[in-house]
Amino acid sequence: MKTLQVLGTGCPKCEALTDNVRRAVAELDADCTIVKIKDIAEIMKFGVMMTPALAVDGEVKASGKVLSVDEIKALLA
């Protein structure tokens, strides 16, 4: 099971990324856990300077932009 970590403080872009992650997981019927991390100190531990960001199993895959559903699905494939 993969763990998808959405890093962001809750801004509209962070919420859009969260929605896209949920849609991608649902469309793939993937066995994933989605975790939202809003605490700045926790986000900084990932080395992320711009949110929103997406990490898969603790490894940052993208930051500073809202990935599309298809981009997220490609990361999970």
PDB file of N, CA and C in Angstrom:
ATOM      1  N   MET A   1       0.841  -1.182   0.000  1.00  0.00           N
ATOM      2  CA  MET A   1       0.000   0.000   0.000  1.00  0.00           C
ATOM      3  C   MET A   1       0.886   1.246   0.000  1.00  0.00           C
ATOM      4  N   LYS A   2       0.590   2.162  -0.905  1.00  0.00           N
ATOM      5  CA  LYS A   2       1.341   3.415  -0.965  1.00  0.00           C
ATOM      6  C   LYS A   2       0.696   4.445  -0.046  1.00  0.00           C
ATOM      7  N   THR A   3       1.525   5.337   0.468  1.00  0.00           N
ATOM      8  CA  THR A   3       1.037   6.466   1.243  1.00  0.00           C
ATOM      9  C   THR A   3       1.291   7.725   0.430  1.00  0.00           C
ATOM     10  N   LEU A   4       0.216   8.450   0.153  1.00  0.00           N
ATOM     11  CA  LEU A   4       0.306   9.703  -0.588  1.00  0.00           C
ATOM     12  C   LEU A   4       0.167  10.845   0.409  1.00  0.00           C
ATOM     13  N   GLN A   5       1.161  11.704   0.444  1.00  0.00           N
ATOM     14  CA  GLN A   5       1.153  12.825   1.380  1.00  0.00           C
ATOM     15  C   GLN A   5       0.965  14.119   0.602  1.00  0.00           C
ATOM     16  N   VAL A   6      -0.139  14.804   0.882  1.00  0.00           N
ATOM     17  CA  VAL A   6      -0.406  16.098   0.277  1.00  0.00           C
ATOM     18  C   VAL A   6       0.085  17.144   1.268  1.00  0.00           C
ATOM     19  N   LEU A   7       1.068  17.925   0.841  1.00  0.00           N
ATOM     20  CA  LEU A   7       1.678  18.927   1.709  1.00  0.00           C
ATOM     21  C   LEU A   7       1.150  20.297   1.336  1.00  0.00           C
ATOM     22  N   GLY A   8       0.521  20.954   2.300  1.00  0.00           N
ATOM     23  CA  GLY A   8      -0.024  22.286   2.051  1.00  0.00           C
ATOM     24  C   GLY A   8      -0.815  22.772   3.238  1.00  0.00           C
ATOM     25  N   THR A   9      -0.921  24.070   3.337  1.00  0.00           N
ATOM     26  CA  THR A   9      -1.547  24.682   4.514  1.00  0.00           C
ATOM     27  C   THR A   9      -3.058  24.775   4.426  1.00  0.00           C
ATOM     28  N   GLY A  10      -3.634  24.391   3.306  1.00  0.00           N
ATOM     29  CA  GLY A  10      -5.086  24.440   3.164  1.00  0.00           C
ATOM     30  C   GLY A  10      -5.552  25.515   2.197  1.00  0.00           C
ATOM     31  N   CYS A  11      -4.628  26.071   1.425  1.00  0.00           N
ATOM     32  CA  CYS A  11      -4.981  27.084   0.427  1.00  0.00           C
ATOM     33  C   CYS A  11      -5.809  26.433  -0.689  1.00  0.00           C
ATOM     34  N   PRO A  12      -6.446  27.230  -1.534  1.00  0.00           N
ATOM     35  CA  PRO A  12      -7.254  26.645  -2.610  1.00  0.00           C
ATOM     36  C   PRO A  12      -6.473  25.683  -3.513  1.00  0.00           C
ATOM     37  N   LYS A  13      -5.214  25.987  -3.825  1.00  0.00           N
ATOM     38  CA  LYS A  13      -4.417  25.083  -4.659  1.00  0.00           C
ATOM     39  C   LYS A  13      -4.149  23.767  -3.928  1.00  0.00           C
ATOM     40  N   CYS A  14      -3.924  23.849  -2.620  1.00  0.00           N
ATOM     41  CA  CYS A  14      -3.691  22.632  -1.827  1.00  0.00           C
ATOM     42  C   CYS A  14      -4.940  21.761  -1.824  1.00  0.00           C
ATOM     43  N   GLU A  15      -6.094  22.395  -1.697  1.00  0.00           N
ATOM     44  CA  GLU A  15      -7.353  21.648  -1.710  1.00  0.00           C
ATOM     45  C   GLU A  15      -7.602  21.038  -3.086  1.00  0.00           C
ATOM     46  N   ALA A  16      -7.244  21.761  -4.156  1.00  0.00           N
ATOM     47  CA  ALA A  16      -7.404  21.233  -5.514  1.00  0.00           C
ATOM     48  C   ALA A  16      -6.518  20.006  -5.718  1.00  0.00           C
ATOM     49  N   LEU A  17      -5.284  20.062  -5.216  1.00  0.00           N
ATOM     50  CA  LEU A  17      -4.391  18.907  -5.329  1.00  0.00           C
ATOM     51  C   LEU A  17      -4.960  17.722  -4.557  1.00  0.00           C
ATOM     52  N   THR A  18      -5.473  17.973  -3.369  1.00  0.00           N
ATOM     53  CA  THR A  18      -6.075  16.902  -2.566  1.00  0.00           C
ATOM     54  C   THR A  18      -7.233  16.253  -3.320  1.00  0.00           C
ATOM     55  N   ASP A  19      -8.086  17.074  -3.925  1.00  0.00           N
ATOM     56  CA  ASP A  19      -9.214  16.543  -4.695  1.00  0.00           C
ATOM     57  C   ASP A  19      -8.720  15.695  -5.872  1.00  0.00           C
ATOM     58  N   ASN A  20      -7.683  16.174  -6.575  1.00  0.00           N
ATOM     59  CA  ASN A  20      -7.146  15.429  -7.714  1.00  0.00           C
ATOM     60  C   ASN A  20      -6.519  14.111  -7.272  1.00  0.00           C
ATOM     61  N   VAL A  21      -5.850  14.110  -6.129  1.00  0.00           N
ATOM     62  CA  VAL A  21      -5.270  12.871  -5.596  1.00  0.00           C
ATOM     63  C   VAL A  21      -6.381  11.870  -5.301  1.00  0.00           C
ATOM     64  N   ARG A  22      -7.437  12.333  -4.657  1.00  0.00           N
ATOM     65  CA  ARG A  22      -8.563  11.435  -4.339  1.00  0.00           C
ATOM     66  C   ARG A  22      -9.180  10.856  -5.610  1.00  0.00           C
ATOM     67  N   ARG A  23      -9.355  11.711  -6.622  1.00  0.00           N
ATOM     68  CA  ARG A  23      -9.934  11.248  -7.893  1.00  0.00           C
ATOM     69  C   ARG A  23      -9.023  10.229  -8.565  1.00  0.00           C
ATOM     70  N   ALA A  24      -7.718  10.495  -8.584  1.00  0.00           N
ATOM     71  CA  ALA A  24      -6.771   9.575  -9.224  1.00  0.00           C
ATOM     72  C   ALA A  24      -6.784   8.213  -8.539  1.00  0.00           C
ATOM     73  N   VAL A  25      -6.774   8.214  -7.213  1.00  0.00           N
ATOM     74  CA  VAL A  25      -6.791   6.962  -6.451  1.00  0.00           C
ATOM     75  C   VAL A  25      -8.086   6.205  -6.724  1.00  0.00           C
ATOM     76  N   ALA A  26      -9.214   6.929  -6.768  1.00  0.00           N
ATOM     77  CA  ALA A  26     -10.503   6.290  -7.024  1.00  0.00           C
ATOM     78  C   ALA A  26     -10.564   5.711  -8.434  1.00  0.00           C
ATOM     79  N   GLU A  27     -10.078   6.475  -9.422  1.00  0.00           N
ATOM     80  CA  GLU A  27     -10.121   5.999 -10.812  1.00  0.00           C
ATOM     81  C   GLU A  27      -9.236   4.782 -11.029  1.00  0.00           C
ATOM     82  N   LEU A  28      -8.124   4.718 -10.323  1.00  0.00           N
ATOM     83  CA  LEU A  28      -7.224   3.559 -10.440  1.00  0.00           C
ATOM     84  C   LEU A  28      -7.643   2.417  -9.529  1.00  0.00           C
ATOM     85  N   ASP A  29      -8.578   2.703  -8.616  1.00  0.00           N
ATOM     86  CA  ASP A  29      -8.951   1.756  -7.567  1.00  0.00           C
ATOM     87  C   ASP A  29      -7.687   1.271  -6.857  1.00  0.00           C
ATOM     88  N   ALA A  30      -6.801   2.238  -6.577  1.00  0.00           N
ATOM     89  CA  ALA A  30      -5.494   1.937  -5.984  1.00  0.00           C
ATOM     90  C   ALA A  30      -5.610   1.752  -4.475  1.00  0.00           C
ATOM     91  N   ASP A  31      -4.746   0.909  -3.953  1.00  0.00           N
ATOM     92  CA  ASP A  31      -4.686   0.663  -2.515  1.00  0.00           C
ATOM     93  C   ASP A  31      -3.720   1.684  -1.918  1.00  0.00           C
ATOM     94  N   CYS A  32      -4.240   2.864  -1.603  1.00  0.00           N
ATOM     95  CA  CYS A  32      -3.409   3.962  -1.118  1.00  0.00           C
ATOM     96  C   CYS A  32      -4.040   4.611   0.105  1.00  0.00           C
ATOM     97  N   THR A  33      -3.180   5.161   0.932  1.00  0.00           N
ATOM     98  CA  THR A  33      -3.616   5.988   2.049  1.00  0.00           C
ATOM     99  C   THR A  33      -3.252   7.423   1.698  1.00  0.00           C
ATOM    100  N   ILE A  34      -4.215   8.324   1.874  1.00  0.00           N
ATOM    101  CA  ILE A  34      -3.974   9.742   1.598  1.00  0.00           C
ATOM    102  C   ILE A  34      -3.867  10.474   2.925  1.00  0.00           C
ATOM    103  N   VAL A  35      -2.756  11.183   3.099  1.00  0.00           N
ATOM    104  CA  VAL A  35      -2.502  11.932   4.329  1.00  0.00           C
ATOM    105  C   VAL A  35      -2.303  13.391   3.966  1.00  0.00           C
ATOM    106  N   LYS A  36      -3.039  14.275   4.636  1.00  0.00           N
ATOM    107  CA  LYS A  36      -2.843  15.709   4.431  1.00  0.00           C
ATOM    108  C   LYS A  36      -1.929  16.233   5.536  1.00  0.00           C
ATOM    109  N   ILE A  37      -0.881  16.920   5.143  1.00  0.00           N
ATOM    110  CA  ILE A  37       0.054  17.493   6.111  1.00  0.00           C
ATOM    111  C   ILE A  37      -0.016  19.006   5.971  1.00  0.00           C
ATOM    112  N   LYS A  38      -0.543  19.658   7.023  1.00  0.00           N
ATOM    113  CA  LYS A  38      -0.736  21.108   6.997  1.00  0.00           C
ATOM    114  C   LYS A  38       0.271  21.858   7.857  1.00  0.00           C
ATOM    115  N   ASP A  39       0.950  21.151   8.749  1.00  0.00           N
ATOM    116  CA  ASP A  39       1.895  21.788   9.669  1.00  0.00           C
ATOM    117  C   ASP A  39       3.160  22.216   8.929  1.00  0.00           C
ATOM    118  N   ILE A  40       3.479  23.498   9.010  1.00  0.00           N
ATOM    119  CA  ILE A  40       4.634  24.047   8.287  1.00  0.00           C
ATOM    120  C   ILE A  40       5.930  23.322   8.670  1.00  0.00           C
ATOM    121  N   ALA A  41       6.118  23.040   9.944  1.00  0.00           N
ATOM    122  CA  ALA A  41       7.340  22.359  10.391  1.00  0.00           C
ATOM    123  C   ALA A  41       7.455  20.978   9.746  1.00  0.00           C
ATOM    124  N   GLU A  42       6.330  20.273   9.652  1.00  0.00           N
ATOM    125  CA  GLU A  42       6.342  18.947   9.015  1.00  0.00           C
ATOM    126  C   GLU A  42       6.626  19.070   7.522  1.00  0.00           C
ATOM    127  N   ILE A  43       6.035  20.079   6.882  1.00  0.00           N
ATOM    128  CA  ILE A  43       6.270  20.299   5.454  1.00  0.00           C
ATOM    129  C   ILE A  43       7.749  20.593   5.208  1.00  0.00           C
ATOM    130  N   MET A  44       8.341  21.396   6.068  1.00  0.00           N
ATOM    131  CA  MET A  44       9.755  21.757   5.918  1.00  0.00           C
ATOM    132  C   MET A  44      10.664  20.529   6.031  1.00  0.00           C
ATOM    133  N   LYS A  45      10.256  19.537   6.808  1.00  0.00           N
ATOM    134  CA  LYS A  45      11.058  18.312   6.944  1.00  0.00           C
ATOM    135  C   LYS A  45      11.204  17.579   5.606  1.00  0.00           C
ATOM    136  N   PHE A  46      10.260  17.817   4.696  1.00  0.00           N
ATOM    137  CA  PHE A  46      10.331  17.217   3.369  1.00  0.00           C
ATOM    138  C   PHE A  46      11.234  18.020   2.441  1.00  0.00           C
ATOM    139  N   GLY A  47      11.673  19.204   2.884  1.00  0.00           N
ATOM    140  CA  GLY A  47      12.501  20.066   2.051  1.00  0.00           C
ATOM    141  C   GLY A  47      11.694  20.849   1.031  1.00  0.00           C
ATOM    142  N   VAL A  48      10.395  20.936   1.252  1.00  0.00           N
ATOM    143  CA  VAL A  48       9.503  21.623   0.321  1.00  0.00           C
ATOM    144  C   VAL A  48       9.470  23.114   0.651  1.00  0.00           C
ATOM    145  N   MET A  49       9.706  23.938  -0.366  1.00  0.00           N
ATOM    146  CA  MET A  49       9.675  25.389  -0.186  1.00  0.00           C
ATOM    147  C   MET A  49       8.400  26.010  -0.756  1.00  0.00           C
ATOM    148  N   MET A  50       7.768  25.312  -1.698  1.00  0.00           N
ATOM    149  CA  MET A  50       6.539  25.814  -2.305  1.00  0.00           C
ATOM    150  C   MET A  50       5.459  24.748  -2.228  1.00  0.00           C
ATOM    151  N   THR A  51       4.295  25.156  -1.767  1.00  0.00           N
ATOM    152  CA  THR A  51       3.153  24.248  -1.727  1.00  0.00           C
ATOM    153  C   THR A  51       2.180  24.657  -2.829  1.00  0.00           C
ATOM    154  N   PRO A  52       1.313  23.770  -3.240  1.00  0.00           N
ATOM    155  CA  PRO A  52       1.151  22.418  -2.718  1.00  0.00           C
ATOM    156  C   PRO A  52       2.257  21.492  -3.222  1.00  0.00           C
ATOM    157  N   ALA A  53       2.424  20.403  -2.511  1.00  0.00           N
ATOM    158  CA  ALA A  53       3.395  19.389  -2.910  1.00  0.00           C
ATOM    159  C   ALA A  53       2.776  18.015  -2.695  1.00  0.00           C
ATOM    160  N   LEU A  54       3.296  17.046  -3.429  1.00  0.00           N
ATOM    161  CA  LEU A  54       2.835  15.673  -3.295  1.00  0.00           C
ATOM    162  C   LEU A  54       4.033  14.768  -3.078  1.00  0.00           C
ATOM    163  N   ALA A  55       3.961  13.963  -2.039  1.00  0.00           N
ATOM    164  CA  ALA A  55       4.989  12.965  -1.767  1.00  0.00           C
ATOM    165  C   ALA A  55       4.342  11.583  -1.833  1.00  0.00           C
ATOM    166  N   VAL A  56       5.091  10.634  -2.345  1.00  0.00           N
ATOM    167  CA  VAL A  56       4.652   9.241  -2.389  1.00  0.00           C
ATOM    168  C   VAL A  56       5.614   8.450  -1.528  1.00  0.00           C
ATOM    169  N   ASP A  57       5.091   7.846  -0.474  1.00  0.00           N
ATOM    170  CA  ASP A  57       5.908   7.085   0.483  1.00  0.00           C
ATOM    171  C   ASP A  57       7.091   7.920   0.993  1.00  0.00           C
ATOM    172  N   GLY A  58       6.833   9.200   1.248  1.00  0.00           N
ATOM    173  CA  GLY A  58       7.850  10.067   1.836  1.00  0.00           C
ATOM    174  C   GLY A  58       8.787  10.738   0.859  1.00  0.00           C
ATOM    175  N   GLU A  59       8.669  10.411  -0.435  1.00  0.00           N
ATOM    176  CA  GLU A  59       9.533  10.999  -1.459  1.00  0.00           C
ATOM    177  C   GLU A  59       8.739  12.050  -2.243  1.00  0.00           C
ATOM    178  N   VAL A  60       9.219  13.289  -2.209  1.00  0.00           N
ATOM    179  CA  VAL A  60       8.519  14.378  -2.892  1.00  0.00           C
ATOM    180  C   VAL A  60       8.585  14.155  -4.402  1.00  0.00           C
ATOM    181  N   LYS A  61       7.416  14.159  -5.027  1.00  0.00           N
ATOM    182  CA  LYS A  61       7.318  13.938  -6.474  1.00  0.00           C
ATOM    183  C   LYS A  61       7.050  15.239  -7.225  1.00  0.00           C
ATOM    184  N   ALA A  62       6.434  16.209  -6.557  1.00  0.00           N
ATOM    185  CA  ALA A  62       6.137  17.496  -7.199  1.00  0.00           C
ATOM    186  C   ALA A  62       5.878  18.529  -6.119  1.00  0.00           C
ATOM    187  N   SER A  63       6.266  19.782  -6.412  1.00  0.00           N
ATOM    188  CA  SER A  63       5.946  20.868  -5.481  1.00  0.00           C
ATOM    189  C   SER A  63       5.724  22.144  -6.256  1.00  0.00           C
ATOM    190  N   GLY A  64       4.903  23.007  -5.684  1.00  0.00           N
ATOM    191  CA  GLY A  64       4.647  24.308  -6.273  1.00  0.00           C
ATOM    192  C   GLY A  64       3.610  24.317  -7.371  1.00  0.00           C
ATOM    193  N   LYS A  65       2.930  23.181  -7.587  1.00  0.00           N
ATOM    194  CA  LYS A  65       1.892  23.167  -8.617  1.00  0.00           C
ATOM    195  C   LYS A  65       0.846  22.120  -8.294  1.00  0.00           C
ATOM    196  N   VAL A  66      -0.298  22.297  -8.928  1.00  0.00           N
ATOM    197  CA  VAL A  66      -1.393  21.340  -8.777  1.00  0.00           C
ATOM    198  C   VAL A  66      -1.275  20.325  -9.903  1.00  0.00           C
ATOM    199  N   LEU A  67      -0.939  19.111  -9.552  1.00  0.00           N
ATOM    200  CA  LEU A  67      -0.862  18.045 -10.553  1.00  0.00           C
ATOM    201  C   LEU A  67      -2.264  17.671 -11.015  1.00  0.00           C
ATOM    202  N   SER A  68      -2.374  17.328 -12.292  1.00  0.00           N
ATOM    203  CA  SER A  68      -3.661  16.872 -12.816  1.00  0.00           C
ATOM    204  C   SER A  68      -3.908  15.429 -12.352  1.00  0.00           C
ATOM    205  N   VAL A  69      -5.144  14.999 -12.506  1.00  0.00           N
ATOM    206  CA  VAL A  69      -5.493  13.615 -12.167  1.00  0.00           C
ATOM    207  C   VAL A  69      -4.622  12.654 -12.974  1.00  0.00           C
ATOM    208  N   ASP A  70      -4.441  12.942 -14.267  1.00  0.00           N
ATOM    209  CA  ASP A  70      -3.634  12.051 -15.118  1.00  0.00           C
ATOM    210  C   ASP A  70      -2.167  12.031 -14.692  1.00  0.00           C
ATOM    211  N   GLU A  71      -1.623  13.182 -14.285  1.00  0.00           N
ATOM    212  CA  GLU A  71      -0.233  13.226 -13.808  1.00  0.00           C
ATOM    213  C   GLU A  71      -0.072  12.383 -12.542  1.00  0.00           C
ATOM    214  N   ILE A  72      -1.049  12.460 -11.669  1.00  0.00           N
ATOM    215  CA  ILE A  72      -0.998  11.675 -10.427  1.00  0.00           C
ATOM    216  C   ILE A  72      -1.113  10.186 -10.735  1.00  0.00           C
ATOM    217  N   LYS A  73      -2.001   9.843 -11.648  1.00  0.00           N
ATOM    218  CA  LYS A  73      -2.146   8.439 -12.035  1.00  0.00           C
ATOM    219  C   LYS A  73      -0.852   7.903 -12.612  1.00  0.00           C
ATOM    220  N   ALA A  74      -0.143   8.713 -13.392  1.00  0.00           N
ATOM    221  CA  ALA A  74       1.132   8.281 -13.968  1.00  0.00           C
ATOM    222  C   ALA A  74       2.168   8.018 -12.879  1.00  0.00           C
ATOM    223  N   LEU A  75       2.140   8.830 -11.820  1.00  0.00           N
ATOM    224  CA  LEU A  75       3.073   8.620 -10.707  1.00  0.00           C
ATOM    225  C   LEU A  75       2.793   7.308  -9.983  1.00  0.00           C
ATOM    226  N   LEU A  76       1.538   6.921  -9.959  1.00  0.00           N
ATOM    227  CA  LEU A  76       1.142   5.724  -9.206  1.00  0.00           C
ATOM    228  C   LEU A  76       1.256   4.452 -10.029  1.00  0.00           C
ATOM    229  N   ALA A  77       1.386   4.607 -11.343  1.00  0.00           N
ATOM    230  CA  ALA A  77       1.413   3.417 -12.227  1.00  0.00           C
ATOM    231  C   ALA A  77       2.719   2.653 -12.079  1.00  0.00           C
TER     232      ALA A  77
END
